[in-house]
Amino acid sequence: MAGSLFKAFLQLSDPLFRRVLLLGLAGSAVVYALLYAAIGWGFSRLQLFGVGWADSLTDLLGGLAVGLLTLMLAPGVVVLVLSFLLEEIAQAVETRHYPGQPTPRRQGWAEVAWGALRFSAVTILANLVALPVYLALMVVGAGPLAFLLLNGYLLSREYFELVAARRVAPPQADALRRAHLGRLWLGGGFLALMGMVPLVNLLAPLVGTAAMVHEFENLRRKDGF
């Protein structure tokens, strides 16, 4: 997996990668702003005590909670924005490293949109459900580890299925992923870690897609798919 990630980073200078990144920057910035505003508005509507100083304290804590929630939802948001553009990344990796392959299976706009929305919804819901666990584990310093474990699994599954669906049937892709769950999960954890760093998180979908193309090609040849 480390080799696949290294190759993905080396290709970030590809002009096509830069174009997708610029589009992702614009789209993600808009989505982040809307998400932050929506969560902030929700907290601002909460007047829990009806007492000035108490509600002011609640607003301050609410502001911190808004930032925390936005960070927790970051993986799903970034993937949602860039999922519509990642086919180009996968194609660029194949063109450079795996030329001569047959044309990949075409995925309609509706299929791509449904896959992106489904995964983003699962990621956001899973992180919301796990938020109390994150906060509880913060006491012993294990909150970030729990975040990385959960999102590492989710991201490794999404990116691998994204690229595998272009070449093999879903049952084959699932079987291949399950057979190599550990190494893919480790790569997903690294992507989740990237997703926690502002600005760097915008590179995570590009790196994730490119790395999983390399992993898919390596693993399917190893297992005879």
Protein backbone atom coordinates (compact mmCIF):
# COMPACT_ATOMS: atom_id res chain seq x y z
CA MET A 1 0.00 0.00 0.00
CA ALA A 2 2.89 2.36 0.75
CA GLY A 3 4.17 1.95 -2.80
CA SER A 4 0.76 2.77 -4.25
CA LEU A 5 0.50 5.90 -2.11
CA PHE A 6 4.00 6.96 -3.16
CA LYS A 7 3.14 6.60 -6.86
CA ALA A 8 -0.07 8.59 -6.28
CA PHE A 9 1.85 11.47 -4.70
CA LEU A 10 4.35 11.49 -7.55
CA GLN A 11 1.54 12.01 -10.07
CA LEU A 12 0.06 15.03 -8.29
CA SER A 13 2.01 17.23 -10.71
CA ASP A 14 -0.04 15.86 -13.61
CA PRO A 15 -1.94 18.78 -15.27
CA LEU A 16 -5.17 16.79 -15.12
CA PHE A 17 -4.74 16.32 -11.37
CA ARG A 18 -4.28 20.07 -10.97
CA ARG A 19 -7.45 20.80 -12.95
CA VAL A 20 -9.51 18.41 -10.83
CA LEU A 21 -7.96 19.88 -7.68
CA LEU A 22 -8.92 23.42 -8.67
CA LEU A 23 -12.49 22.35 -9.36
CA GLY A 24 -12.51 20.49 -6.07
CA LEU A 25 -11.17 23.53 -4.22
CA ALA A 26 -14.01 25.68 -5.51
CA GLY A 27 -16.70 23.08 -4.87
CA SER A 28 -15.44 22.04 -1.44
CA ALA A 29 -15.09 25.65 -0.29
CA VAL A 30 -18.74 26.28 -1.14
CA VAL A 31 -19.93 23.08 0.53
CA TYR A 32 -17.84 23.70 3.67
CA ALA A 33 -19.18 27.23 3.98
CA LEU A 34 -22.77 26.04 3.62
CA LEU A 35 -22.21 23.20 6.07
CA TYR A 36 -20.59 25.45 8.65
CA ALA A 37 -23.35 28.04 8.26
CA ALA A 38 -26.10 25.43 8.55
CA ILE A 39 -24.65 23.86 11.70
CA GLY A 40 -23.97 27.31 13.17
CA TRP A 41 -27.51 28.45 12.43
CA GLY A 42 -28.89 25.36 14.14
CA PHE A 43 -26.89 26.05 17.28
CA SER A 44 -27.86 29.73 17.24
CA ARG A 45 -31.54 28.76 17.39
CA LEU A 46 -30.95 26.95 20.68
CA GLN A 47 -31.74 29.20 23.63
CA LEU A 48 -31.50 26.55 26.28
CA PHE A 49 -31.60 28.62 29.45
CA GLY A 50 -33.29 31.92 28.71
CA VAL A 51 -30.61 33.64 30.81
CA GLY A 52 -28.23 36.07 29.10
CA TRP A 53 -24.89 34.91 30.49
CA ALA A 54 -25.81 31.23 30.27
CA ASP A 55 -26.92 31.52 26.66
CA SER A 56 -23.76 33.49 25.83
CA LEU A 57 -21.68 30.66 27.27
CA THR A 58 -23.78 28.18 25.28
CA ASP A 59 -23.12 30.20 22.11
CA LEU A 60 -19.37 30.10 22.77
CA LEU A 61 -19.37 26.36 23.36
CA GLY A 62 -21.67 25.98 20.37
CA GLY A 63 -19.11 27.73 18.19
CA LEU A 64 -16.50 25.21 19.24
CA ALA A 65 -18.96 22.40 18.59
CA VAL A 66 -19.68 23.76 15.11
CA GLY A 67 -15.98 23.62 14.25
CA LEU A 68 -15.67 20.11 15.67
CA LEU A 69 -18.72 18.83 13.82
CA THR A 70 -17.53 20.35 10.55
CA LEU A 71 -14.19 18.59 11.00
CA MET A 72 -15.90 15.28 11.80
CA LEU A 73 -18.00 15.54 8.64
CA ALA A 74 -15.01 16.50 6.47
CA PRO A 75 -14.35 13.06 4.88
CA GLY A 76 -17.90 12.69 3.61
CA VAL A 77 -18.08 16.27 2.34
CA VAL A 78 -14.81 16.15 0.41
CA VAL A 79 -15.64 12.80 -1.16
CA LEU A 80 -19.09 14.05 -2.16
CA VAL A 81 -17.66 17.05 -3.99
CA LEU A 82 -14.85 15.23 -5.77
CA SER A 83 -16.55 11.91 -6.50
CA PHE A 84 -18.00 13.43 -9.65
CA LEU A 85 -14.48 14.19 -10.94
CA LEU A 86 -12.48 11.14 -9.92
CA GLU A 87 -13.08 9.13 -13.09
CA GLU A 88 -10.62 11.46 -14.79
CA ILE A 89 -8.02 10.74 -12.10
CA ALA A 90 -8.41 6.99 -12.48
CA GLN A 91 -8.11 7.30 -16.25
CA ALA A 92 -4.96 9.43 -15.95
CA VAL A 93 -3.31 6.83 -13.70
CA GLU A 94 -4.19 3.99 -16.06
CA THR A 95 -2.93 5.94 -19.06
CA ARG A 96 0.47 6.52 -17.46
CA HIS A 97 1.01 3.24 -15.61
CA TYR A 98 -1.28 0.65 -17.22
CA PRO A 99 -1.61 1.49 -20.92
CA GLY A 100 -3.34 -0.74 -23.41
CA GLN A 101 -6.23 -1.80 -21.18
CA PRO A 102 -9.75 -2.14 -22.59
CA THR A 103 -12.11 0.80 -22.20
CA PRO A 104 -13.52 0.74 -18.65
CA ARG A 105 -17.19 0.14 -17.99
CA ARG A 106 -19.09 3.36 -18.47
CA GLN A 107 -20.94 4.60 -15.42
CA GLY A 108 -23.91 6.86 -16.00
CA TRP A 109 -24.29 10.20 -14.25
CA ALA A 110 -27.11 8.83 -12.12
CA GLU A 111 -24.97 5.87 -10.97
CA VAL A 112 -22.04 8.13 -10.06
CA ALA A 113 -24.32 10.58 -8.24
CA TRP A 114 -26.07 7.82 -6.31
CA GLY A 115 -22.77 6.25 -5.28
CA ALA A 116 -21.35 9.58 -4.11
CA LEU A 117 -24.46 10.55 -2.18
CA ARG A 118 -24.81 7.09 -0.63
CA PHE A 119 -21.24 6.99 0.61
CA SER A 120 -21.27 10.58 1.86
CA ALA A 121 -24.50 9.93 3.75
CA VAL A 122 -23.06 6.78 5.34
CA THR A 123 -19.84 8.57 6.29
CA ILE A 124 -21.62 11.57 7.79
CA LEU A 125 -24.14 9.42 9.67
CA ALA A 126 -21.45 7.07 10.98
CA ASN A 127 -19.40 10.00 12.29
CA LEU A 128 -22.42 11.61 13.92
CA VAL A 129 -23.31 8.34 15.64
CA ALA A 130 -19.69 7.90 16.73
CA LEU A 131 -19.32 11.50 17.95
CA PRO A 132 -20.17 10.65 21.60
CA VAL A 133 -17.58 7.87 21.44
CA TYR A 134 -14.98 10.28 20.06
CA LEU A 135 -15.71 12.76 22.84
CA ALA A 136 -15.62 10.08 25.55
CA LEU A 137 -12.32 8.71 24.29
CA MET A 138 -10.83 12.21 24.22
CA VAL A 139 -10.44 11.83 27.99
CA VAL A 140 -7.81 9.14 27.46
CA GLY A 141 -6.46 10.65 24.25
CA ALA A 142 -7.92 7.95 22.00
CA GLY A 143 -10.57 10.02 20.22
CA PRO A 144 -8.45 10.69 17.11
CA LEU A 145 -7.53 7.01 16.90
CA ALA A 146 -11.20 6.01 16.88
CA PHE A 147 -11.85 8.60 14.17
CA LEU A 148 -9.02 7.25 12.02
CA LEU A 149 -10.12 3.64 12.45
CA LEU A 150 -13.72 4.30 11.45
CA ASN A 151 -12.99 6.64 8.56
CA GLY A 152 -10.03 4.57 7.41
CA TYR A 153 -12.36 1.64 6.87
CA LEU A 154 -15.02 3.76 5.16
CA LEU A 155 -12.58 5.56 2.88
CA SER A 156 -10.68 2.42 1.89
CA ARG A 157 -13.93 0.72 0.98
CA GLU A 158 -15.26 3.66 -1.02
CA TYR A 159 -12.13 4.37 -3.04
CA PHE A 160 -11.42 0.73 -3.78
CA GLU A 161 -15.00 0.08 -4.91
CA LEU A 162 -14.91 3.27 -6.97
CA VAL A 163 -11.97 2.12 -9.08
CA ALA A 164 -12.80 -1.60 -9.05
CA ALA A 165 -16.31 -0.99 -10.39
CA ARG A 166 -14.73 0.31 -13.58
CA ARG A 167 -13.13 -3.06 -14.34
CA VAL A 168 -14.94 -5.93 -12.59
CA ALA A 169 -18.40 -6.84 -11.37
CA PRO A 170 -19.36 -5.71 -7.84
CA PRO A 171 -19.16 -9.25 -6.32
CA GLN A 172 -15.60 -9.64 -7.61
CA ALA A 173 -14.63 -6.20 -6.33
CA ASP A 174 -16.09 -7.00 -2.91
CA ALA A 175 -14.32 -10.35 -2.72
CA LEU A 176 -10.99 -8.76 -3.65
CA ARG A 177 -11.43 -6.02 -1.06
CA ARG A 178 -12.32 -8.48 1.70
CA ALA A 179 -9.32 -10.66 0.88
CA HIS A 180 -6.97 -7.72 1.43
CA LEU A 181 -8.94 -5.76 4.01
CA GLY A 182 -6.00 -5.06 6.31
CA ARG A 183 -3.69 -3.35 3.84
CA LEU A 184 -6.53 -1.37 2.28
CA TRP A 185 -7.76 -0.28 5.72
CA LEU A 186 -4.27 0.95 6.54
CA GLY A 187 -4.25 3.05 3.39
CA GLY A 188 -7.70 4.39 4.23
CA GLY A 189 -6.43 5.40 7.67
CA PHE A 190 -3.68 7.44 6.04
CA LEU A 191 -6.28 9.14 3.83
CA ALA A 192 -8.44 9.86 6.88
CA LEU A 193 -5.40 11.44 8.53
CA MET A 194 -4.90 13.62 5.47
CA GLY A 195 -8.56 14.55 5.69
CA MET A 196 -8.05 16.02 9.16
CA VAL A 197 -5.49 18.57 7.93
CA PRO A 198 -6.92 21.77 6.40
CA LEU A 199 -6.06 22.23 2.71
CA VAL A 200 -4.22 18.89 2.66
CA ASN A 201 -7.63 17.25 2.95
CA LEU A 202 -8.40 18.46 -0.56
CA LEU A 203 -5.63 16.24 -1.90
CA ALA A 204 -6.94 13.14 -0.13
CA PRO A 205 -9.57 12.15 -2.76
CA LEU A 206 -7.02 12.52 -5.58
CA VAL A 207 -4.35 10.56 -3.73
CA GLY A 208 -6.90 7.99 -2.59
CA THR A 209 -8.26 7.35 -6.06
CA ALA A 210 -4.82 7.14 -7.67
CA ALA A 211 -3.45 4.87 -4.94
CA MET A 212 -6.44 2.52 -5.15
CA VAL A 213 -6.01 2.20 -8.91
CA HIS A 214 -2.49 0.91 -8.24
CA GLU A 215 -3.74 -1.35 -5.44
CA PHE A 216 -6.54 -2.76 -7.58
CA GLU A 217 -4.21 -3.56 -10.45
CA ASN A 218 -1.65 -5.16 -8.12
CA LEU A 219 -4.17 -7.21 -6.18
CA ARG A 220 -6.24 -8.44 -9.09
CA ARG A 221 -3.14 -9.66 -10.90
CA LYS A 222 -1.89 -11.30 -7.71
CA ASP A 223 -5.23 -13.06 -7.14
CA GLY A 224 -5.85 -13.84 -10.81
CA PHE A 225 -8.91 -11.63 -11.38
